[in-house]
């Protein structure tokens, strides 16, 4: 069974929308845990979603910004503590 061109276009946009939402969620979660992994994944997913022409452009841009923020938090922790571990008490 072969999909028609409109069905392919819909599923491609739907995939890109899912990537935009996933990048936002992973970027947000990366601010709290595993920012060394979740930050770059959020950046890649946001870039792919924007490249594929997502309808959720704002969400993809937020995912991209949060992914970059994850890496900034990681760099700050490494410079400040000399390691990747952090605790709320300081």
C-alpha atoms as a PDB file:
ATOM      1  CA  UNK A   1       0.000   0.000   0.000  1.00  0.00           C
ATOM      2  CA  UNK A   2       1.472   3.325  -1.039  1.00  0.00           C
ATOM      3  CA  UNK A   3       0.608   6.624   0.581  1.00  0.00           C
ATOM      4  CA  UNK A   4      -0.597   9.519  -1.502  1.00  0.00           C
ATOM      5  CA  UNK A   5       1.449  12.691  -1.606  1.00  0.00           C
ATOM      6  CA  UNK A   6      -0.905  14.508   0.771  1.00  0.00           C
ATOM      7  CA  UNK A   7      -0.673  11.643   3.275  1.00  0.00           C
ATOM      8  CA  UNK A   8       3.142  11.740   3.089  1.00  0.00           C
ATOM      9  CA  UNK A   9       3.156  15.490   3.601  1.00  0.00           C
ATOM     10  CA  UNK A  10       0.794  15.184   6.592  1.00  0.00           C
ATOM     11  CA  UNK A  11       2.849  12.476   8.273  1.00  0.00           C
ATOM     12  CA  UNK A  12       6.069  14.438   7.669  1.00  0.00           C
ATOM     13  CA  UNK A  13       4.592  17.534   9.278  1.00  0.00           C
ATOM     14  CA  UNK A  14       3.200  15.429  12.084  1.00  0.00           C
ATOM     15  CA  UNK A  15       6.632  13.896  12.693  1.00  0.00           C
ATOM     16  CA  UNK A  16       8.197  17.358  12.721  1.00  0.00           C
ATOM     17  CA  UNK A  17       5.564  18.565  15.203  1.00  0.00           C
ATOM     18  CA  UNK A  18       6.364  15.609  17.443  1.00  0.00           C
ATOM     19  CA  UNK A  19      10.061  16.429  17.246  1.00  0.00           C
ATOM     20  CA  UNK A  20       9.340  20.038  18.214  1.00  0.00           C
ATOM     21  CA  UNK A  21       7.375  18.966  21.275  1.00  0.00           C
ATOM     22  CA  UNK A  22       9.988  16.351  22.213  1.00  0.00           C
ATOM     23  CA  UNK A  23      12.795  18.911  21.978  1.00  0.00           C
ATOM     24  CA  UNK A  24      10.868  21.268  24.265  1.00  0.00           C
ATOM     25  CA  UNK A  25      10.172  18.557  26.858  1.00  0.00           C
ATOM     26  CA  UNK A  26      13.715  17.160  26.780  1.00  0.00           C
ATOM     27  CA  UNK A  27      15.218  20.640  27.008  1.00  0.00           C
ATOM     28  CA  UNK A  28      13.037  21.456  29.979  1.00  0.00           C
ATOM     29  CA  UNK A  29      13.851  18.186  31.738  1.00  0.00           C
ATOM     30  CA  UNK A  30      17.532  18.680  30.946  1.00  0.00           C
ATOM     31  CA  UNK A  31      17.650  21.764  33.134  1.00  0.00           C
ATOM     32  CA  UNK A  32      17.140  19.492  36.132  1.00  0.00           C
ATOM     33  CA  UNK A  33      18.659  16.113  35.254  1.00  0.00           C
ATOM     34  CA  UNK A  34      21.079  14.645  32.719  1.00  0.00           C
ATOM     35  CA  UNK A  35      21.761  17.913  30.913  1.00  0.00           C
ATOM     36  CA  UNK A  36      24.887  16.380  29.369  1.00  0.00           C
ATOM     37  CA  UNK A  37      22.631  14.066  27.319  1.00  0.00           C
ATOM     38  CA  UNK A  38      19.286  15.833  27.071  1.00  0.00           C
ATOM     39  CA  UNK A  39      20.675  19.225  25.984  1.00  0.00           C
ATOM     40  CA  UNK A  40      22.299  18.026  22.753  1.00  0.00           C
ATOM     41  CA  UNK A  41      19.328  15.745  21.976  1.00  0.00           C
ATOM     42  CA  UNK A  42      16.953  18.706  22.373  1.00  0.00           C
ATOM     43  CA  UNK A  43      19.112  20.814  20.057  1.00  0.00           C
ATOM     44  CA  UNK A  44      19.217  18.122  17.365  1.00  0.00           C
ATOM     45  CA  UNK A  45      15.471  17.446  17.539  1.00  0.00           C
ATOM     46  CA  UNK A  46      14.675  21.160  17.367  1.00  0.00           C
ATOM     47  CA  UNK A  47      16.955  21.599  14.370  1.00  0.00           C
ATOM     48  CA  UNK A  48      15.358  18.659  12.566  1.00  0.00           C
ATOM     49  CA  UNK A  49      11.859  19.921  13.333  1.00  0.00           C
ATOM     50  CA  UNK A  50      12.692  23.376  11.991  1.00  0.00           C
ATOM     51  CA  UNK A  51      14.356  21.905   8.910  1.00  0.00           C
ATOM     52  CA  UNK A  52      11.304  19.744   8.165  1.00  0.00           C
ATOM     53  CA  UNK A  53       8.972  22.735   8.463  1.00  0.00           C
ATOM     54  CA  UNK A  54       7.054  22.119  11.665  1.00  0.00           C
ATOM     55  CA  UNK A  55       3.809  23.939  12.367  1.00  0.00           C
ATOM     56  CA  UNK A  56       5.003  24.313  15.973  1.00  0.00           C
ATOM     57  CA  UNK A  57       7.894  26.606  15.173  1.00  0.00           C
ATOM     58  CA  UNK A  58       7.735  28.416  18.521  1.00  0.00           C
ATOM     59  CA  UNK A  59       7.922  25.173  20.454  1.00  0.00           C
ATOM     60  CA  UNK A  60      10.917  24.053  18.385  1.00  0.00           C
ATOM     61  CA  UNK A  61      12.681  27.368  19.021  1.00  0.00           C
ATOM     62  CA  UNK A  62      11.985  27.036  22.753  1.00  0.00           C
ATOM     63  CA  UNK A  63      13.392  23.498  22.638  1.00  0.00           C
ATOM     64  CA  UNK A  64      16.489  24.833  20.907  1.00  0.00           C
ATOM     65  CA  UNK A  65      16.906  27.592  23.497  1.00  0.00           C
ATOM     66  CA  UNK A  66      16.396  25.167  26.385  1.00  0.00           C
ATOM     67  CA  UNK A  67      18.918  22.746  24.886  1.00  0.00           C
ATOM     68  CA  UNK A  68      21.485  25.534  24.718  1.00  0.00           C
ATOM     69  CA  UNK A  69      20.573  26.535  28.288  1.00  0.00           C
ATOM     70  CA  UNK A  70      21.208  22.932  29.366  1.00  0.00           C
ATOM     71  CA  UNK A  71      24.729  23.137  27.977  1.00  0.00           C
ATOM     72  CA  UNK A  72      25.289  26.525  29.637  1.00  0.00           C
ATOM     73  CA  UNK A  73      24.199  25.044  32.987  1.00  0.00           C
ATOM     74  CA  UNK A  74      26.541  22.114  32.405  1.00  0.00           C
ATOM     75  CA  UNK A  75      29.463  24.423  31.584  1.00  0.00           C
ATOM     76  CA  UNK A  76      28.739  26.537  34.670  1.00  0.00           C
ATOM     77  CA  UNK A  77      28.689  23.464  36.893  1.00  0.00           C
ATOM     78  CA  UNK A  78      31.945  22.153  35.467  1.00  0.00           C
ATOM     79  CA  UNK A  79      33.701  25.504  35.850  1.00  0.00           C
ATOM     80  CA  UNK A  80      32.256  26.202  39.313  1.00  0.00           C
ATOM     81  CA  UNK A  81      32.584  22.763  40.907  1.00  0.00           C
ATOM     82  CA  UNK A  82      35.157  21.104  38.710  1.00  0.00           C
ATOM     83  CA  UNK A  83      32.708  18.265  38.135  1.00  0.00           C
ATOM     84  CA  UNK A  84      29.300  17.571  36.609  1.00  0.00           C
ATOM     85  CA  UNK A  85      27.548  16.797  39.931  1.00  0.00           C
ATOM     86  CA  UNK A  86      25.408  19.456  41.593  1.00  0.00           C
ATOM     87  CA  UNK A  87      23.320  19.647  44.719  1.00  0.00           C
ATOM     88  CA  UNK A  88      20.686  22.169  45.831  1.00  0.00           C
ATOM     89  CA  UNK A  89      22.549  22.955  49.077  1.00  0.00           C
ATOM     90  CA  UNK A  90      25.661  24.121  47.233  1.00  0.00           C
END
